Amino acid sequence: MIDKDLEKYTSHAVSNGVKEVRQIKPDSIVTAPWVRFKCQFGCPVHGMFYSCPPDSPTPEQTRAMLDCYERALLFHIQAPHSKARGKKCNKIYDMLVKLEGDLFKDGFYKAFVFLAGPCPLCDKCGKLTGEPCRANDRARPSMEGAGVDVYQTVRNNDFTLEALREVTETQNLFCLMLVD
């Protein structure tokens, strides 16, 4: 059940490509140190973006932040395999960052969004050349990069999530908006 004061934001997200939004309690979000190890030893772009480990928040920092909130929104995005998959996701991520700004302007001054996967904003992250982030106003960490166990978190909130076996399968991505 979405609280009435959040309905216009969730409706906006759904009308702009999000499959489903659920209001959740931050205590249902699981953080764990092992998640960053999966980034470090398994992600082909580990360490190549400012929004990823080791530059993203640690699981302990993320847990401390989550404990400052009473409500969050969990966004489910479906991304079927296609040449346009990346562009579709980037458009939704951009909309969610703008939605964070709208929430802030409307009085939800603590609004903050966690996206999914590596930052898509620049063709080449400034981290690779020692430059500061060129999109710091729009860059956000991914849930997994900040130590969130996305699989357990979405399962705790009655979503289904399984690992893909083939690149041609539809991706189920999740983003998290803290709203209080």
C-alpha atoms as a PDB file:
ATOM      1  CA  MET A   1       0.000   0.000   0.000  1.00  0.00           C
ATOM      2  CA  ILE A   2       1.400   3.361  -1.049  1.00  0.00           C
ATOM      3  CA  ASP A   3       0.788   6.241   1.353  1.00  0.00           C
ATOM      4  CA  LYS A   4      -1.421   8.931  -0.172  1.00  0.00           C
ATOM      5  CA  ASP A   5       1.331  11.567  -0.021  1.00  0.00           C
ATOM      6  CA  LEU A   6       3.568   9.385  -2.227  1.00  0.00           C
ATOM      7  CA  GLU A   7       0.997   8.309  -4.846  1.00  0.00           C
ATOM      8  CA  LYS A   8       1.751  11.063  -7.371  1.00  0.00           C
ATOM      9  CA  TYR A   9       5.450  10.092  -7.373  1.00  0.00           C
ATOM     10  CA  THR A  10       4.790   6.383  -7.799  1.00  0.00           C
ATOM     11  CA  SER A  11       2.247   7.068 -10.565  1.00  0.00           C
ATOM     12  CA  HIS A  12       4.797   9.252 -12.333  1.00  0.00           C
ATOM     13  CA  ALA A  13       7.403   6.474 -12.127  1.00  0.00           C
ATOM     14  CA  VAL A  14       5.029   3.859 -13.543  1.00  0.00           C
ATOM     15  CA  SER A  15       3.943   6.154 -16.364  1.00  0.00           C
ATOM     16  CA  ASN A  16       7.629   6.624 -17.227  1.00  0.00           C
ATOM     17  CA  GLY A  17       8.678   2.989 -17.572  1.00  0.00           C
ATOM     18  CA  VAL A  18       8.825   1.505 -14.077  1.00  0.00           C
ATOM     19  CA  LYS A  19       6.905  -1.780 -13.973  1.00  0.00           C
ATOM     20  CA  GLU A  20       5.877  -1.611 -10.330  1.00  0.00           C
ATOM     21  CA  VAL A  21       6.557   0.385  -7.163  1.00  0.00           C
ATOM     22  CA  ARG A  22       6.122  -0.804  -3.594  1.00  0.00           C
ATOM     23  CA  GLN A  23       6.380   1.216  -0.435  1.00  0.00           C
ATOM     24  CA  ILE A  24       8.621  -0.650   1.988  1.00  0.00           C
ATOM     25  CA  LYS A  25      10.112  -0.328   5.443  1.00  0.00           C
ATOM     26  CA  PRO A  26      13.853   0.362   5.541  1.00  0.00           C
ATOM     27  CA  ASP A  27      14.304  -2.397   8.113  1.00  0.00           C
ATOM     28  CA  SER A  28      13.386  -4.882   5.345  1.00  0.00           C
ATOM     29  CA  ILE A  29      16.478  -3.788   3.395  1.00  0.00           C
ATOM     30  CA  VAL A  30      19.392  -6.155   3.978  1.00  0.00           C
ATOM     31  CA  THR A  31      22.980  -4.929   3.925  1.00  0.00           C
ATOM     32  CA  ALA A  32      25.987  -7.243   4.109  1.00  0.00           C
ATOM     33  CA  PRO A  33      29.761  -7.028   3.591  1.00  0.00           C
ATOM     34  CA  TRP A  34      29.760  -9.967   1.141  1.00  0.00           C
ATOM     35  CA  VAL A  35      27.868  -7.886  -1.427  1.00  0.00           C
ATOM     36  CA  ARG A  36      30.867  -5.619  -2.061  1.00  0.00           C
ATOM     37  CA  PHE A  37      33.064  -8.692  -2.486  1.00  0.00           C
ATOM     38  CA  LYS A  38      30.769  -9.769  -5.344  1.00  0.00           C
ATOM     39  CA  CYS A  39      31.422  -6.370  -6.925  1.00  0.00           C
ATOM     40  CA  GLN A  40      35.164  -6.617  -6.346  1.00  0.00           C
ATOM     41  CA  PHE A  41      35.489 -10.213  -7.485  1.00  0.00           C
ATOM     42  CA  GLY A  42      32.940 -10.640 -10.231  1.00  0.00           C
ATOM     43  CA  CYS A  43      32.111  -7.330 -11.850  1.00  0.00           C
ATOM     44  CA  PRO A  44      34.133  -6.596 -14.988  1.00  0.00           C
ATOM     45  CA  VAL A  45      33.996  -2.828 -14.331  1.00  0.00           C
ATOM     46  CA  HIS A  46      34.864  -2.880 -10.612  1.00  0.00           C
ATOM     47  CA  GLY A  47      36.698   0.245  -9.523  1.00  0.00           C
ATOM     48  CA  MET A  48      36.106   2.056 -12.802  1.00  0.00           C
ATOM     49  CA  PHE A  49      33.306   4.369 -11.614  1.00  0.00           C
ATOM     50  CA  TYR A  50      33.036   6.809  -8.717  1.00  0.00           C
ATOM     51  CA  SER A  51      29.590   5.410  -7.894  1.00  0.00           C
ATOM     52  CA  CYS A  52      30.970   1.876  -7.362  1.00  0.00           C
ATOM     53  CA  PRO A  53      33.196   0.336  -4.694  1.00  0.00           C
ATOM     54  CA  PRO A  54      35.618   1.310  -3.347  1.00  0.00           C
ATOM     55  CA  ASP A  55      34.188   4.846  -3.726  1.00  0.00           C
ATOM     56  CA  SER A  56      30.563   4.035  -2.893  1.00  0.00           C
ATOM     57  CA  PRO A  57      29.208   3.854   0.668  1.00  0.00           C
ATOM     58  CA  THR A  58      30.140   0.778   2.686  1.00  0.00           C
ATOM     59  CA  PRO A  59      27.428  -1.610   3.916  1.00  0.00           C
ATOM     60  CA  GLU A  60      27.844  -0.111   7.404  1.00  0.00           C
ATOM     61  CA  GLN A  61      27.400   3.444   6.110  1.00  0.00           C
ATOM     62  CA  THR A  62      24.387   2.358   4.079  1.00  0.00           C
ATOM     63  CA  ARG A  63      22.782   0.620   7.087  1.00  0.00           C
ATOM     64  CA  ALA A  64      23.322   3.733   9.224  1.00  0.00           C
ATOM     65  CA  MET A  65      21.673   5.831   6.504  1.00  0.00           C
ATOM     66  CA  LEU A  66      18.733   3.431   6.100  1.00  0.00           C
ATOM     67  CA  ASP A  67      18.140   3.599   9.851  1.00  0.00           C
ATOM     68  CA  CYS A  68      17.424   7.348   9.468  1.00  0.00           C
ATOM     69  CA  TYR A  69      14.277   6.604   7.423  1.00  0.00           C
ATOM     70  CA  GLU A  70      10.821   5.195   8.060  1.00  0.00           C
ATOM     71  CA  ARG A  71       9.694   4.767   4.442  1.00  0.00           C
ATOM     72  CA  ALA A  72      11.206   3.839   1.132  1.00  0.00           C
ATOM     73  CA  LEU A  73      10.007   3.054  -2.375  1.00  0.00           C
ATOM     74  CA  LEU A  74      11.270  -0.022  -4.208  1.00  0.00           C
ATOM     75  CA  PHE A  75      11.086   0.342  -8.000  1.00  0.00           C
ATOM     76  CA  HIS A  76      10.934  -2.741 -10.246  1.00  0.00           C
ATOM     77  CA  ILE A  77      12.188  -2.189 -13.781  1.00  0.00           C
ATOM     78  CA  GLN A  78      11.943  -4.830 -16.496  1.00  0.00           C
ATOM     79  CA  ALA A  79      14.482  -4.574 -19.270  1.00  0.00           C
ATOM     80  CA  PRO A  80      13.940  -7.045 -22.109  1.00  0.00           C
ATOM     81  CA  HIS A  81      16.971  -7.939 -24.192  1.00  0.00           C
ATOM     82  CA  SER A  82      17.367  -5.480 -27.073  1.00  0.00           C
ATOM     83  CA  LYS A  83      19.829  -2.987 -28.480  1.00  0.00           C
ATOM     84  CA  ALA A  84      17.839  -0.284 -26.674  1.00  0.00           C
ATOM     85  CA  ARG A  85      17.974  -1.939 -23.219  1.00  0.00           C
ATOM     86  CA  GLY A  86      20.725   0.366 -21.938  1.00  0.00           C
ATOM     87  CA  LYS A  87      19.054   3.512 -23.250  1.00  0.00           C
ATOM     88  CA  LYS A  88      15.718   2.503 -21.709  1.00  0.00           C
ATOM     89  CA  CYS A  89      17.317   1.917 -18.314  1.00  0.00           C
ATOM     90  CA  ASN A  90      19.297   5.163 -18.479  1.00  0.00           C
ATOM     91  CA  LYS A  91      16.088   7.082 -19.231  1.00  0.00           C
ATOM     92  CA  ILE A  92      14.398   5.525 -16.197  1.00  0.00           C
ATOM     93  CA  TYR A  93      17.434   6.195 -13.982  1.00  0.00           C
ATOM     94  CA  ASP A  94      17.434   9.833 -15.074  1.00  0.00           C
ATOM     95  CA  MET A  95      13.713  10.071 -14.285  1.00  0.00           C
ATOM     96  CA  LEU A  96      14.327   8.596 -10.797  1.00  0.00           C
ATOM     97  CA  VAL A  97      17.065  11.133 -10.030  1.00  0.00           C
ATOM     98  CA  LYS A  98      14.696  13.910 -11.139  1.00  0.00           C
ATOM     99  CA  LEU A  99      11.966  12.336  -9.002  1.00  0.00           C
ATOM    100  CA  GLU A 100      14.346  12.524  -6.027  1.00  0.00           C
ATOM    101  CA  GLY A 101      14.630  16.263  -6.724  1.00  0.00           C
ATOM    102  CA  ASP A 102      10.864  16.638  -6.957  1.00  0.00           C
ATOM    103  CA  LEU A 103      10.416  14.855  -3.635  1.00  0.00           C
ATOM    104  CA  PHE A 104      13.006  17.172  -2.077  1.00  0.00           C
ATOM    105  CA  LYS A 105      11.284  20.303  -3.426  1.00  0.00           C
ATOM    106  CA  ASP A 106       7.945  19.017  -2.145  1.00  0.00           C
ATOM    107  CA  GLY A 107       9.206  18.714   1.437  1.00  0.00           C
ATOM    108  CA  PHE A 108      10.742  15.232   1.495  1.00  0.00           C
ATOM    109  CA  TYR A 109      14.119  16.844   2.146  1.00  0.00           C
ATOM    110  CA  LYS A 110      15.845  13.530   2.941  1.00  0.00           C
ATOM    111  CA  ALA A 111      14.919  11.918  -0.406  1.00  0.00           C
ATOM    112  CA  PHE A 112      17.771   9.875  -1.894  1.00  0.00           C
ATOM    113  CA  VAL A 113      17.786   7.277  -4.659  1.00  0.00           C
ATOM    114  CA  PHE A 114      20.005   4.243  -5.146  1.00  0.00           C
ATOM    115  CA  LEU A 115      20.118   3.018  -8.749  1.00  0.00           C
ATOM    116  CA  ALA A 116      21.137  -0.344 -10.240  1.00  0.00           C
ATOM    117  CA  GLY A 117      24.502  -1.261 -11.726  1.00  0.00           C
ATOM    118  CA  PRO A 118      27.370   0.960 -12.808  1.00  0.00           C
ATOM    119  CA  CYS A 119      26.808   4.655 -13.417  1.00  0.00           C
ATOM    120  CA  PRO A 120      25.618   5.242 -17.002  1.00  0.00           C
ATOM    121  CA  LEU A 121      26.058   9.008 -17.169  1.00  0.00           C
ATOM    122  CA  CYS A 122      29.419   9.474 -18.896  1.00  0.00           C
ATOM    123  CA  ASP A 123      30.898   7.560 -21.794  1.00  0.00           C
ATOM    124  CA  LYS A 124      34.128   7.358 -19.788  1.00  0.00           C
ATOM    125  CA  CYS A 125      34.169   8.000 -16.026  1.00  0.00           C
ATOM    126  CA  GLY A 126      36.592  10.678 -14.885  1.00  0.00           C
ATOM    127  CA  LYS A 127      37.914   8.211 -12.329  1.00  0.00           C
ATOM    128  CA  LEU A 128      39.860   6.502 -15.112  1.00  0.00           C
ATOM    129  CA  THR A 129      41.809   9.686 -15.856  1.00  0.00           C
ATOM    130  CA  GLY A 130      41.970  11.114 -12.331  1.00  0.00           C
ATOM    131  CA  GLU A 131      39.355  13.786 -13.008  1.00  0.00           C
ATOM    132  CA  PRO A 132      36.549  14.532 -10.548  1.00  0.00           C
ATOM    133  CA  CYS A 133      33.065  13.247 -11.310  1.00  0.00           C
ATOM    134  CA  ARG A 134      31.553  15.333 -14.116  1.00  0.00           C
ATOM    135  CA  ALA A 135      27.984  14.429 -13.143  1.00  0.00           C
ATOM    136  CA  ASN A 136      28.141  14.507  -9.348  1.00  0.00           C
ATOM    137  CA  ASP A 137      24.739  16.215  -9.211  1.00  0.00           C
ATOM    138  CA  ARG A 138      23.122  13.220 -10.970  1.00  0.00           C
ATOM    139  CA  ALA A 139      25.389  10.263 -10.140  1.00  0.00           C
ATOM    140  CA  ARG A 140      24.052   7.854  -7.521  1.00  0.00           C
ATOM    141  CA  PRO A 141      25.419   4.621  -6.104  1.00  0.00           C
ATOM    142  CA  SER A 142      23.803   1.345  -6.989  1.00  0.00           C
ATOM    143  CA  MET A 143      22.074  -0.609  -4.269  1.00  0.00           C
ATOM    144  CA  GLU A 144      24.573  -3.457  -4.645  1.00  0.00           C
ATOM    145  CA  GLY A 145      27.556  -1.096  -4.787  1.00  0.00           C
ATOM    146  CA  ALA A 146      26.468   0.318  -1.420  1.00  0.00           C
ATOM    147  CA  GLY A 147      26.276  -3.145   0.132  1.00  0.00           C
ATOM    148  CA  VAL A 148      22.550  -3.869  -0.248  1.00  0.00           C
ATOM    149  CA  ASP A 149      21.693  -7.547  -0.740  1.00  0.00           C
ATOM    150  CA  VAL A 150      19.250  -6.813  -3.543  1.00  0.00           C
ATOM    151  CA  TYR A 151      18.062 -10.420  -3.876  1.00  0.00           C
ATOM    152  CA  GLN A 152      17.069 -10.756  -0.216  1.00  0.00           C
ATOM    153  CA  THR A 153      15.691  -7.227  -0.041  1.00  0.00           C
ATOM    154  CA  VAL A 154      13.341  -7.716  -2.999  1.00  0.00           C
ATOM    155  CA  ARG A 155      12.291 -11.137  -1.687  1.00  0.00           C
ATOM    156  CA  ASN A 156      11.594  -9.581   1.732  1.00  0.00           C
ATOM    157  CA  ASN A 157       9.176  -7.292  -0.099  1.00  0.00           C
ATOM    158  CA  ASP A 158       7.310  -9.950  -2.101  1.00  0.00           C
ATOM    159  CA  PHE A 159       9.102  -9.538  -5.423  1.00  0.00           C
ATOM    160  CA  THR A 160      10.763 -12.383  -7.281  1.00  0.00           C
ATOM    161  CA  LEU A 161      14.335 -12.144  -8.496  1.00  0.00           C
ATOM    162  CA  GLU A 162      16.472 -14.851 -10.031  1.00  0.00           C
ATOM    163  CA  ALA A 163      19.905 -14.744 -11.613  1.00  0.00           C
ATOM    164  CA  LEU A 164      19.873 -14.595 -15.402  1.00  0.00           C
ATOM    165  CA  ARG A 165      21.219 -17.635 -17.191  1.00  0.00           C
ATOM    166  CA  GLU A 166      21.397 -16.036 -20.645  1.00  0.00           C
ATOM    167  CA  VAL A 167      22.094 -12.473 -21.766  1.00  0.00           C
ATOM    168  CA  THR A 168      18.944 -12.650 -23.900  1.00  0.00           C
ATOM    169  CA  GLU A 169      16.678 -12.960 -20.849  1.00  0.00           C
ATOM    170  CA  THR A 170      14.694 -10.018 -19.494  1.00  0.00           C
ATOM    171  CA  GLN A 171      16.551  -8.246 -16.708  1.00  0.00           C
ATOM    172  CA  ASN A 172      14.640  -7.426 -13.551  1.00  0.00           C
ATOM    173  CA  LEU A 173      16.297  -4.394 -12.002  1.00  0.00           C
ATOM    174  CA  PHE A 174      15.521  -2.673  -8.734  1.00  0.00           C
ATOM    175  CA  CYS A 175      16.127   0.860  -7.515  1.00  0.00           C
ATOM    176  CA  LEU A 176      15.458   2.250  -4.071  1.00  0.00           C
ATOM    177  CA  MET A 177      14.195   5.691  -3.069  1.00  0.00           C
ATOM    178  CA  LEU A 178      14.455   6.733   0.569  1.00  0.00           C
ATOM    179  CA  VAL A 179      11.724   9.310   1.084  1.00  0.00           C
ATOM    180  CA  ASP A 180      11.307  10.729   4.585  1.00  0.00           C
END
